[in-house]
Amino acid sequence: MKIEIRAQDLLSYEGDALIVNLFEGVERPGGSTGAVDRALGGSITAAIRRREFTGKLHERLLLHTVGQLLVARVLVIGLGKQEEFTLDRVRSASAEAMRHLRGVGAKTVGSIVHGAGIGGLDADQAACAVTEGALLGLYRFDKYKKPDDNGKKVVRTLTLLERDKARVATMKKGVRRGRILAEAVSFARDLVNEPANTLTPSELAVRAKKMASGCGLSIKILERADMKKLGMGALLGVAQGSQEPPKLIEVSYKGRKGKGTGPRLGLVGKGVTFDSGGISIKPSEGMEAMKGDMAGGAAVLAAIKGIAELKLPVDVTVLVPATENLPSGTAQHPGDIVKAMNGKTIEVINTDAEGRLILADALCYACERGLTHLVDVATLTGACIIALGSVRTGAFTNNPELMRQVKQASEAACEKIWELPMDDEYGEQIKSDCADMKNIGGKKAGPITGAKLLANFVGKTPWVHLDIAGTAQAEKDSGYQVKGATGAMVRTLICLAMGFGGVVKS
């Protein structure tokens, strides 16, 4: 979809539809919405008076102009209470409005920039958020569906209308940034939504290569023989049950351009392209969703794509250990002991706790590569869904300062996280009688014991673990999240890189 900024009065816009907004409780619209109301003979005010529209968040009022304006329809989108108004509500309202208009067949849409007027938000930020919301709200994954006889409904152009010519230049910057962020998230969503018979570890590597080539990034793919040479017994143990060869995908971005030394941010993502549980096989109900067990890997690949396109002044390396976890005659058994790259041994109590095994070797490799700060992203534990639901991502750390930076980034991206404890006592649960540790610690504190295992493979390197098991998928359309893969933590990681590069998200 084309998104443009135009210095133009709303009433002179010609197209299929026009979007305006209203805060909850407003009885007589003002500003741009008021101007549209007057042009329509007070139709919006009349709807408010009849309680057909109250301005609650996401509430919609669609009006047919009947020749009173140069557009066929006007959509009024509710912004909720003004005192609760945020940039995230701009994204959300933009998404809901655009999805509604696509549903009624609008192809060319004009819109006010929500929040840039009476909302009091910075024009650049507001334009960025409207763009993100529009693109993410219109996202759909339908490449395997037969088109309807009447063709697919598509919004072709969104024109953001701004009367103040002096603000257009800065809004254009916001639109550009918003498109990069939204397209990065959509890239992750596409990967996660792909079926596992298409997106094998090899195909994930192919798509990473294509992405890297398009963004000017360097890429290296480690094969099974390379992993054996490096002593990655934990990753290889998981991979041995599948006929598909494992891959360790390494993508690097050099944003500092030789400007002295600085932090080297490492982003590590779990890349299990299908997780049956292995010999400790999962229940059949819902197993089809396990094609998305590589959402962490998708998130970090998408993040470096956005980082490169924004040309952020920071060095970043992404690592994705990619494999399938399947039962077979060669599969890993419960009771096996594997040795990770750093020499530590792990007793495999449950083969369905495989994500921490492949991440163990990837984190070791990240430390060997000299990365100074690490963030891993993984659909690691079902227990995290029990603890936090689908609202917040679980967060764990060995370094309060890095956690502070990640929290700051998540707030800027409006992606909620919640820090869980890492007390030493939790480590007792993963002590093994015959190895350095075991891969599960029982029913209690499952997300924490998973993180405690990972902590054994980062040494003293500052590290944050993000468990996205609950946030990687959405069960229904709501705001800019659509049913299916969410692209969780992509925007947070990009905002983190902005912070490392000294760039203020504006």
Protein backbone atom coordinates (compact mmCIF):
# COMPACT_ATOMS: atom_id res chain seq x y z
CA MET A 1 0.00 0.00 0.00
CA LYS A 2 1.23 3.47 -0.90
CA ILE A 3 1.26 5.95 2.00
CA GLU A 4 1.74 9.63 1.29
CA ILE A 5 1.59 12.94 3.16
CA ARG A 6 -0.26 15.78 1.53
CA ALA A 7 -0.63 19.41 2.62
CA GLN A 8 -4.36 19.65 2.01
CA ASP A 9 -7.60 20.45 3.75
CA LEU A 10 -9.70 17.38 4.55
CA LEU A 11 -12.79 18.73 2.87
CA SER A 12 -11.02 18.94 -0.49
CA TYR A 13 -9.78 15.34 -0.44
CA GLU A 14 -11.19 13.21 -3.24
CA GLY A 15 -11.24 9.44 -2.82
CA ASP A 16 -13.28 6.49 -1.62
CA ALA A 17 -13.27 7.29 2.09
CA LEU A 18 -12.09 9.73 4.72
CA ILE A 19 -11.10 8.90 8.33
CA VAL A 20 -11.65 11.31 11.20
CA ASN A 21 -11.78 10.61 14.94
CA LEU A 22 -13.42 11.47 18.21
CA PHE A 23 -12.56 11.10 21.88
CA GLU A 24 -15.04 9.39 24.16
CA GLY A 25 -17.57 11.70 25.77
CA VAL A 26 -17.25 14.57 23.26
CA GLU A 27 -20.74 15.79 22.44
CA ARG A 28 -19.90 18.33 19.76
CA PRO A 29 -16.92 17.57 17.50
CA GLY A 30 -14.27 20.24 16.99
CA GLY A 31 -11.25 20.68 14.76
CA SER A 32 -11.12 18.61 11.58
CA THR A 33 -13.86 16.26 12.72
CA GLY A 34 -16.04 19.28 13.44
CA ALA A 35 -15.42 20.65 9.95
CA VAL A 36 -16.47 17.33 8.43
CA ASP A 37 -19.52 17.25 10.70
CA ARG A 38 -20.63 20.66 9.48
CA ALA A 39 -20.10 19.64 5.85
CA LEU A 40 -22.35 16.66 6.49
CA GLY A 41 -25.08 18.80 8.02
CA GLY A 42 -24.33 17.73 11.59
CA SER A 43 -24.58 13.97 10.96
CA ILE A 44 -21.82 13.12 13.45
CA THR A 45 -23.38 15.29 16.16
CA ALA A 46 -26.76 13.72 15.49
CA ALA A 47 -25.28 10.21 15.86
CA ILE A 48 -23.73 11.23 19.17
CA ARG A 49 -27.00 12.67 20.38
CA ARG A 50 -28.81 9.44 19.48
CA ARG A 51 -26.10 7.43 21.32
CA GLU A 52 -25.24 5.63 18.09
CA PHE A 53 -21.63 6.66 18.61
CA THR A 54 -19.84 7.52 21.85
CA GLY A 55 -16.15 7.61 20.85
CA LYS A 56 -15.13 4.50 22.79
CA LEU A 57 -11.86 2.99 21.64
CA HIS A 58 -12.28 1.22 18.27
CA GLU A 59 -15.95 2.18 18.00
CA ARG A 60 -16.81 3.01 14.38
CA LEU A 61 -19.38 5.22 12.70
CA LEU A 62 -19.59 4.92 8.91
CA LEU A 63 -21.46 7.71 7.13
CA HIS A 64 -22.37 7.96 3.44
CA THR A 65 -21.79 11.50 2.22
CA VAL A 66 -24.39 11.47 -0.59
CA GLY A 67 -22.46 14.08 -2.57
CA GLN A 68 -21.85 16.47 0.35
CA LEU A 69 -18.09 15.75 0.18
CA LEU A 70 -15.71 14.53 -2.52
CA VAL A 71 -15.52 11.12 -0.83
CA ALA A 72 -18.23 8.46 -0.80
CA ARG A 73 -17.88 7.64 2.89
CA VAL A 74 -16.62 9.11 6.15
CA LEU A 75 -15.47 6.81 8.94
CA VAL A 76 -15.33 8.21 12.47
CA ILE A 77 -13.07 6.09 14.69
CA GLY A 78 -13.28 6.22 18.48
CA LEU A 79 -10.06 7.05 20.35
CA GLY A 80 -11.33 6.30 23.84
CA LYS A 81 -10.87 8.66 26.78
CA GLN A 82 -8.56 11.58 26.09
CA GLU A 83 -6.69 11.16 29.39
CA GLU A 84 -5.82 7.58 28.37
CA PHE A 85 -4.65 8.52 24.86
CA THR A 86 -1.26 7.13 23.79
CA LEU A 87 0.75 6.47 20.66
CA ASP A 88 -0.30 2.85 20.87
CA ARG A 89 -3.93 3.93 20.62
CA VAL A 90 -3.00 5.82 17.47
CA ARG A 91 -1.64 2.57 16.00
CA SER A 92 -4.65 0.64 17.16
CA ALA A 93 -7.27 3.12 15.91
CA SER A 94 -5.51 3.46 12.57
CA ALA A 95 -5.51 -0.33 12.15
CA GLU A 96 -9.18 -0.76 13.03
CA ALA A 97 -10.25 2.05 10.73
CA MET A 98 -8.25 0.80 7.76
CA ARG A 99 -9.40 -2.79 8.19
CA HIS A 100 -13.03 -1.64 8.34
CA LEU A 101 -12.69 0.42 5.16
CA ARG A 102 -10.97 -2.41 3.32
CA GLY A 103 -13.94 -4.57 4.27
CA VAL A 104 -16.36 -2.20 2.55
CA GLY A 105 -14.22 -2.03 -0.58
CA ALA A 106 -12.42 1.33 -0.20
CA LYS A 107 -9.29 1.56 -2.34
CA THR A 108 -8.20 5.18 -1.81
CA VAL A 109 -8.41 6.52 1.73
CA GLY A 110 -7.61 9.89 3.26
CA SER A 111 -7.02 10.31 6.99
CA ILE A 112 -6.24 12.89 9.59
CA VAL A 113 -3.07 12.12 11.56
CA HIS A 114 -4.53 10.86 14.82
CA GLY A 115 -2.99 12.60 17.81
CA ALA A 116 -1.17 15.33 15.92
CA GLY A 117 -3.90 17.89 16.67
CA ILE A 118 -5.89 18.02 19.89
CA GLY A 119 -4.24 14.76 20.97
CA GLY A 120 -1.07 16.72 21.63
CA LEU A 121 1.39 14.20 20.19
CA ASP A 122 4.50 15.06 18.22
CA ALA A 123 3.62 15.17 14.51
CA ASP A 124 6.51 12.88 13.54
CA GLN A 125 5.58 10.29 16.17
CA ALA A 126 1.90 10.44 15.26
CA ALA A 127 2.60 9.95 11.54
CA CYS A 128 4.87 7.01 12.36
CA ALA A 129 2.21 5.39 14.56
CA VAL A 130 -0.59 5.90 11.99
CA THR A 131 1.61 4.27 9.36
CA GLU A 132 2.54 1.33 11.58
CA GLY A 133 -1.07 0.77 12.55
CA ALA A 134 -2.40 0.97 9.00
CA LEU A 135 0.13 -1.48 7.56
CA LEU A 136 0.00 -3.93 10.46
CA GLY A 137 -3.78 -3.80 10.70
CA LEU A 138 -4.14 -4.62 6.99
CA TYR A 139 -1.65 -7.50 7.17
CA ARG A 140 -2.98 -10.88 6.08
CA PHE A 141 -1.39 -14.20 5.23
CA ASP A 142 -3.41 -15.66 2.40
CA LYS A 143 -0.85 -16.84 -0.13
CA TYR A 144 -2.22 -20.39 0.01
CA LYS A 145 -5.89 -19.40 -0.37
CA LYS A 146 -7.74 -19.34 -3.66
CA PRO A 147 -8.82 -15.76 -4.48
CA ASP A 148 -12.51 -14.92 -4.37
CA ASP A 149 -14.28 -14.67 -7.72
CA ASN A 150 -14.66 -10.92 -7.21
CA GLY A 151 -10.98 -10.47 -6.42
CA LYS A 152 -9.25 -9.54 -3.19
CA LYS A 153 -10.24 -6.29 -1.49
CA VAL A 154 -7.16 -4.07 -1.22
CA VAL A 155 -6.58 -0.52 -0.01
CA ARG A 156 -4.14 0.88 -2.55
CA THR A 157 -3.41 4.35 -1.19
CA LEU A 158 -3.54 6.02 2.22
CA THR A 159 -3.12 9.80 2.13
CA LEU A 160 -2.37 11.54 5.43
CA LEU A 161 -3.80 15.02 5.28
CA GLU A 162 -2.13 17.92 7.09
CA ARG A 163 -3.09 21.56 6.69
CA ASP A 164 0.18 22.93 8.14
CA LYS A 165 2.73 22.75 5.33
CA ALA A 166 5.56 23.31 7.82
CA ARG A 167 4.88 19.92 9.43
CA VAL A 168 4.79 17.85 6.25
CA ALA A 169 8.57 17.28 6.02
CA THR A 170 8.86 15.91 9.55
CA MET A 171 5.75 13.78 9.05
CA LYS A 172 7.34 12.23 5.96
CA LYS A 173 10.21 11.05 8.18
CA GLY A 174 7.67 9.51 10.53
CA VAL A 175 5.93 7.72 7.68
CA ARG A 176 9.24 6.30 6.44
CA ARG A 177 10.17 5.03 9.90
CA GLY A 178 6.70 3.63 10.45
CA ARG A 179 6.84 1.72 7.16
CA ILE A 180 10.24 0.20 8.03
CA LEU A 181 9.01 -0.90 11.46
CA ALA A 182 5.76 -2.34 10.10
CA GLU A 183 7.45 -4.14 7.23
CA ALA A 184 9.96 -5.68 9.66
CA VAL A 185 7.10 -7.00 11.81
CA SER A 186 5.30 -8.28 8.70
CA PHE A 187 8.47 -10.09 7.62
CA ALA A 188 8.49 -11.91 10.96
CA ARG A 189 4.76 -12.65 10.72
CA ASP A 190 5.22 -14.13 7.25
CA LEU A 191 7.93 -16.50 8.48
CA VAL A 192 5.95 -17.65 11.51
CA ASN A 193 2.74 -18.17 9.53
CA GLU A 194 4.44 -20.37 6.92
CA PRO A 195 3.67 -24.10 7.22
CA ALA A 196 6.52 -26.31 8.39
CA ASN A 197 6.57 -28.32 5.17
CA THR A 198 7.58 -25.10 3.40
CA LEU A 199 9.67 -23.34 6.03
CA THR A 200 12.29 -25.96 6.87
CA PRO A 201 15.59 -24.94 8.49
CA SER A 202 17.13 -24.85 5.00
CA GLU A 203 14.34 -22.63 3.66
CA LEU A 204 14.66 -20.31 6.67
CA ALA A 205 18.35 -19.96 5.80
CA VAL A 206 17.45 -19.20 2.17
CA ARG A 207 15.03 -16.47 3.22
CA ALA A 208 17.57 -15.03 5.62
CA LYS A 209 20.09 -14.87 2.76
CA LYS A 210 17.60 -13.11 0.51
CA MET A 211 16.74 -10.62 3.25
CA ALA A 212 20.40 -9.99 4.04
CA SER A 213 21.25 -9.43 0.38
CA GLY A 214 18.46 -6.89 0.03
CA CYS A 215 19.61 -4.97 3.10
CA GLY A 216 23.36 -5.08 2.50
CA LEU A 217 24.00 -7.40 5.45
CA SER A 218 26.65 -10.09 5.74
CA ILE A 219 25.48 -13.64 6.37
CA LYS A 220 27.09 -16.93 7.28
CA ILE A 221 25.38 -20.32 7.54
CA LEU A 222 26.93 -22.99 9.77
CA GLU A 223 26.19 -26.55 8.68
CA ARG A 224 26.06 -29.76 10.70
CA ALA A 225 29.78 -30.42 10.15
CA ASP A 226 30.63 -26.93 11.42
CA MET A 227 28.52 -27.52 14.52
CA LYS A 228 30.30 -30.83 15.21
CA LYS A 229 33.65 -29.11 14.85
CA LEU A 230 32.60 -26.43 17.34
CA GLY A 231 31.28 -29.01 19.81
CA MET A 232 27.61 -27.95 19.65
CA GLY A 233 26.31 -31.21 21.10
CA ALA A 234 23.16 -29.67 22.58
CA LEU A 235 21.92 -28.28 19.25
CA LEU A 236 22.90 -31.43 17.36
CA GLY A 237 21.13 -33.61 19.91
CA VAL A 238 17.82 -31.93 19.14
CA ALA A 239 18.46 -32.06 15.38
CA GLN A 240 19.34 -35.76 15.20
CA GLY A 241 15.71 -36.90 15.01
CA SER A 242 14.99 -35.05 11.75
CA GLN A 243 16.01 -35.73 8.17
CA GLU A 244 16.19 -31.97 7.66
CA PRO A 245 19.72 -30.68 8.32
CA PRO A 246 20.10 -28.07 11.06
CA LYS A 247 21.41 -24.59 10.28
CA LEU A 248 22.98 -21.91 12.44
CA ILE A 249 22.19 -18.63 10.73
CA GLU A 250 24.49 -15.68 11.48
CA VAL A 251 23.63 -12.23 10.10
CA SER A 252 25.74 -9.16 10.85
CA TYR A 253 25.23 -5.42 10.53
CA LYS A 254 28.05 -2.91 10.91
CA GLY A 255 26.47 0.42 11.68
CA ARG A 256 29.36 2.11 13.45
CA LYS A 257 31.33 2.37 10.18
CA GLY A 258 34.69 1.97 11.94
CA LYS A 259 34.00 4.76 14.44
CA GLY A 260 36.08 3.30 17.25
CA THR A 261 35.02 0.55 19.60
CA GLY A 262 31.57 0.24 21.01
CA PRO A 263 29.01 -2.29 22.19
CA ARG A 264 28.27 -5.23 19.92
CA LEU A 265 24.67 -6.22 20.37
CA GLY A 266 23.83 -9.88 19.88
CA LEU A 267 20.26 -10.99 19.18
CA VAL A 268 19.67 -14.75 19.43
CA GLY A 269 16.38 -16.34 18.34
CA LYS A 270 15.05 -19.85 18.77
CA GLY A 271 14.47 -21.39 15.34
CA VAL A 272 12.60 -24.68 15.80
CA THR A 273 10.68 -24.79 12.52
CA PHE A 274 8.45 -27.56 13.84
CA ASP A 275 8.30 -28.92 17.38
CA SER A 276 6.53 -32.24 17.87
CA GLY A 277 8.17 -32.61 21.27
CA GLY A 278 10.41 -35.37 19.99
CA ILE A 279 10.19 -38.70 21.86
CA SER A 280 8.40 -36.79 24.66
CA ILE A 281 5.73 -36.11 22.07
CA LYS A 282 3.14 -33.38 22.53
CA PRO A 283 -0.62 -34.03 22.55
CA SER A 284 -2.00 -34.00 19.02
CA GLU A 285 -4.55 -31.26 19.77
CA GLY A 286 -3.07 -27.92 18.77
CA MET A 287 0.21 -29.39 17.55
CA GLU A 288 -0.24 -27.63 14.20
CA ALA A 289 0.62 -24.37 15.98
CA MET A 290 4.13 -25.70 16.57
CA LYS A 291 5.10 -24.50 13.10
CA GLY A 292 5.49 -21.19 14.94
CA ASP A 293 8.15 -22.40 17.36
CA MET A 294 10.66 -20.39 15.37
CA ALA A 295 9.00 -17.05 16.24
CA GLY A 296 12.06 -15.96 18.20
CA GLY A 297 14.29 -16.60 15.21
CA ALA A 298 11.87 -14.72 12.97
CA ALA A 299 11.85 -11.79 15.41
CA VAL A 300 15.61 -11.32 15.47
CA LEU A 301 15.93 -11.67 11.68
CA ALA A 302 13.18 -9.09 11.22
CA ALA A 303 14.80 -6.80 13.77
CA ILE A 304 18.15 -6.68 11.98
CA LYS A 305 16.29 -6.00 8.74
CA GLY A 306 14.69 -2.93 10.32
CA ILE A 307 17.94 -1.87 11.99
CA ALA A 308 19.77 -1.98 8.66
CA GLU A 309 17.05 -0.09 6.79
CA LEU A 310 17.02 2.62 9.47
CA LYS A 311 20.83 2.78 9.20
CA LEU A 312 21.26 2.85 12.97
CA PRO A 313 24.80 3.60 14.21
CA VAL A 314 25.30 0.35 16.12
CA ASP A 315 26.90 -3.04 15.42
CA VAL A 316 24.45 -5.95 15.63
CA THR A 317 24.80 -9.69 15.06
CA VAL A 318 21.84 -12.06 14.85
CA LEU A 319 22.09 -15.79 15.50
CA VAL A 320 19.32 -18.30 14.76
CA PRO A 321 19.86 -21.99 15.58
CA ALA A 322 17.36 -23.67 13.25
CA THR A 323 16.19 -27.26 13.39
CA GLU A 324 13.14 -29.50 13.64
CA ASN A 325 12.35 -31.51 16.79
CA LEU A 326 10.87 -34.82 15.66
CA PRO A 327 10.57 -38.43 16.92
CA SER A 328 12.33 -41.06 14.85
CA GLY A 329 14.68 -44.00 15.11
CA THR A 330 17.57 -41.56 15.44
CA ALA A 331 15.89 -39.12 17.81
CA GLN A 332 17.30 -38.02 21.13
CA HIS A 333 16.03 -40.08 24.09
CA PRO A 334 14.95 -38.92 27.53
CA GLY A 335 17.94 -39.69 29.72
CA ASP A 336 20.55 -38.78 27.09
CA ILE A 337 23.37 -36.49 28.14
CA VAL A 338 24.65 -33.87 25.70
CA LYS A 339 27.65 -31.56 25.89
CA ALA A 340 27.31 -27.93 24.87
CA MET A 341 29.95 -25.82 23.16
CA ASN A 342 31.36 -24.53 26.46
CA GLY A 343 31.87 -28.08 27.76
CA LYS A 344 28.94 -28.12 30.18
CA THR A 345 26.75 -31.22 30.12
CA ILE A 346 22.95 -31.41 30.16
CA GLU A 347 20.82 -34.42 31.06
CA VAL A 348 17.80 -34.53 28.79
CA ILE A 349 14.84 -35.35 31.03
CA ASN A 350 12.23 -34.23 28.51
CA THR A 351 12.94 -33.93 24.79
CA ASP A 352 10.19 -31.31 24.52
CA ALA A 353 12.38 -28.87 26.44
CA GLU A 354 14.51 -28.51 23.32
CA GLY A 355 14.57 -24.74 22.82
CA ARG A 356 16.92 -24.18 25.73
CA LEU A 357 19.26 -26.82 24.31
CA ILE A 358 19.68 -25.19 20.93
CA LEU A 359 19.91 -21.73 22.52
CA ALA A 360 22.62 -22.97 24.88
CA ASP A 361 25.00 -23.57 21.97
CA ALA A 362 23.92 -20.40 20.15
CA LEU A 363 24.60 -18.31 23.28
CA CYS A 364 28.00 -19.95 23.69
CA TYR A 365 28.77 -19.11 20.08
CA ALA A 366 27.64 -15.52 20.61
CA CYS A 367 30.09 -15.18 23.51
CA GLU A 368 32.87 -16.71 21.39
CA ARG A 369 32.12 -14.11 18.71
CA GLY A 370 32.82 -11.34 21.20
CA LEU A 371 29.31 -9.91 21.37
CA THR A 372 29.14 -7.66 24.41
CA HIS A 373 25.38 -7.62 25.12
CA LEU A 374 22.97 -10.46 24.45
CA VAL A 375 19.20 -10.67 24.12
CA ASP A 376 17.59 -13.98 23.24
CA VAL A 377 13.99 -14.34 22.10
CA ALA A 378 12.18 -17.67 22.27
CA THR A 379 8.82 -19.39 22.51
CA LEU A 380 10.45 -21.25 25.37
CA THR A 381 7.85 -22.40 27.89
CA GLY A 382 4.14 -23.11 27.97
CA ALA A 383 4.41 -22.20 31.64
CA CYS A 384 5.02 -18.58 30.64
CA ILE A 385 1.58 -18.57 29.00
CA ILE A 386 0.09 -19.80 32.29
CA ALA A 387 1.95 -17.10 34.22
CA LEU A 388 1.46 -14.06 31.97
CA GLY A 389 -1.14 -15.05 29.40
CA SER A 390 -0.92 -13.33 26.02
CA VAL A 391 -0.51 -9.83 27.45
CA ARG A 392 3.14 -9.67 28.47
CA THR A 393 6.40 -11.28 27.42
CA GLY A 394 8.41 -12.82 30.24
CA ALA A 395 11.82 -11.25 30.83
CA PHE A 396 14.85 -12.55 32.75
CA THR A 397 18.36 -11.19 33.19
CA ASN A 398 21.77 -11.40 34.79
CA ASN A 399 22.31 -7.66 34.38
CA PRO A 400 19.93 -4.98 35.75
CA GLU A 401 21.30 -2.25 33.47
CA LEU A 402 20.65 -4.21 30.28
CA MET A 403 17.20 -5.08 31.59
CA ARG A 404 16.55 -1.38 32.17
CA GLN A 405 17.45 -0.69 28.54
CA VAL A 406 15.23 -3.51 27.28
CA LYS A 407 12.32 -2.25 29.41
CA GLN A 408 12.83 1.26 28.06
CA ALA A 409 12.80 -0.11 24.50
CA SER A 410 9.66 -2.15 25.14
CA GLU A 411 7.89 0.93 26.49
CA ALA A 412 8.89 2.92 23.41
CA ALA A 413 7.54 0.12 21.20
CA CYS A 414 4.44 -0.40 23.40
CA GLU A 415 5.23 -4.12 23.69
CA LYS A 416 4.64 -5.14 27.29
CA ILE A 417 7.19 -7.24 29.17
CA TRP A 418 7.35 -8.41 32.77
CA GLU A 419 10.55 -9.23 34.61
CA LEU A 420 10.57 -12.47 36.59
CA PRO A 421 13.11 -13.32 39.32
CA MET A 422 16.33 -15.25 38.88
CA ASP A 423 17.12 -16.15 42.50
CA ASP A 424 19.89 -18.70 43.04
CA GLU A 425 17.44 -21.08 44.71
CA TYR A 426 15.69 -21.72 41.40
CA GLY A 427 18.90 -23.23 40.09
CA GLU A 428 18.53 -26.09 42.57
CA GLN A 429 15.62 -27.40 40.50
CA ILE A 430 17.80 -28.15 37.47
CA LYS A 431 20.61 -29.94 39.31
CA SER A 432 21.30 -33.38 37.85
CA ASP A 433 22.72 -36.48 39.52
CA CYS A 434 24.76 -37.41 36.45
CA ALA A 435 25.43 -34.18 34.51
CA ASP A 436 26.11 -30.52 35.16
CA MET A 437 22.39 -29.80 34.88
CA LYS A 438 19.13 -31.24 33.59
CA ASN A 439 16.93 -29.59 31.01
CA ILE A 440 13.77 -29.24 33.08
CA GLY A 441 13.16 -28.45 36.73
CA GLY A 442 9.69 -29.85 37.32
CA LYS A 443 6.30 -28.16 37.39
CA LYS A 444 7.26 -25.27 39.62
CA ALA A 445 8.53 -21.98 38.13
CA GLY A 446 8.92 -23.40 34.62
CA PRO A 447 9.78 -20.11 32.86
CA ILE A 448 12.40 -19.32 35.50
CA THR A 449 14.12 -22.70 35.47
CA GLY A 450 14.31 -22.48 31.68
CA ALA A 451 16.03 -19.13 32.01
CA LYS A 452 18.30 -20.46 34.76
CA LEU A 453 19.57 -23.13 32.37
CA LEU A 454 20.32 -20.54 29.69
CA ALA A 455 22.26 -18.44 32.20
CA ASN A 456 24.88 -21.21 32.31
CA PHE A 457 25.89 -20.40 28.74
CA VAL A 458 26.40 -16.62 28.78
CA GLY A 459 29.08 -16.36 31.47
CA LYS A 460 29.37 -12.76 32.69
CA THR A 461 28.12 -11.26 29.43
CA PRO A 462 25.12 -8.98 30.07
CA TRP A 463 22.09 -10.94 28.92
CA VAL A 464 18.30 -10.73 28.77
CA HIS A 465 16.04 -13.66 27.91
CA LEU A 466 12.59 -12.90 26.46
CA ASP A 467 10.02 -15.70 26.59
CA ILE A 468 7.39 -14.93 23.93
CA ALA A 469 5.42 -18.18 24.25
CA GLY A 470 2.29 -16.23 25.14
CA THR A 471 2.73 -13.19 22.90
CA ALA A 472 3.89 -14.71 19.62
CA GLN A 473 0.37 -15.57 18.46
CA ALA A 474 -2.96 -13.72 18.53
CA GLU A 475 -6.27 -15.57 18.67
CA LYS A 476 -8.30 -12.81 16.98
CA ASP A 477 -7.98 -9.46 15.21
CA SER A 478 -7.64 -6.58 17.66
CA GLY A 479 -6.14 -3.25 16.73
CA TYR A 480 -2.91 -3.73 14.82
CA GLN A 481 -2.59 -7.34 15.96
CA VAL A 482 -4.26 -9.72 13.55
CA LYS A 483 -5.10 -13.36 14.09
CA GLY A 484 -2.00 -15.51 13.78
CA ALA A 485 1.61 -14.50 14.19
CA THR A 486 2.16 -11.15 15.91
CA GLY A 487 5.84 -10.41 15.26
CA ALA A 488 6.29 -9.93 19.01
CA MET A 489 9.44 -8.11 20.14
CA VAL A 490 10.56 -7.01 16.67
CA ARG A 491 9.87 -3.34 17.38
CA THR A 492 11.30 -3.65 20.91
CA LEU A 493 14.59 -5.00 19.55
CA ILE A 494 14.78 -2.21 16.97
CA CYS A 495 14.12 0.37 19.69
CA LEU A 496 16.84 -1.29 21.81
CA ALA A 497 19.28 -0.89 18.92
CA MET A 498 18.22 2.76 18.64
CA GLY A 499 19.16 3.19 22.29
CA PHE A 500 22.53 1.46 21.81
CA GLY A 501 23.19 3.74 18.86
CA GLY A 502 22.20 6.86 20.77
CA VAL A 503 19.14 7.42 18.58
CA VAL A 504 16.05 8.73 20.33
CA LYS A 505 12.85 7.15 18.99
CA SER A 506 10.88 10.15 17.83
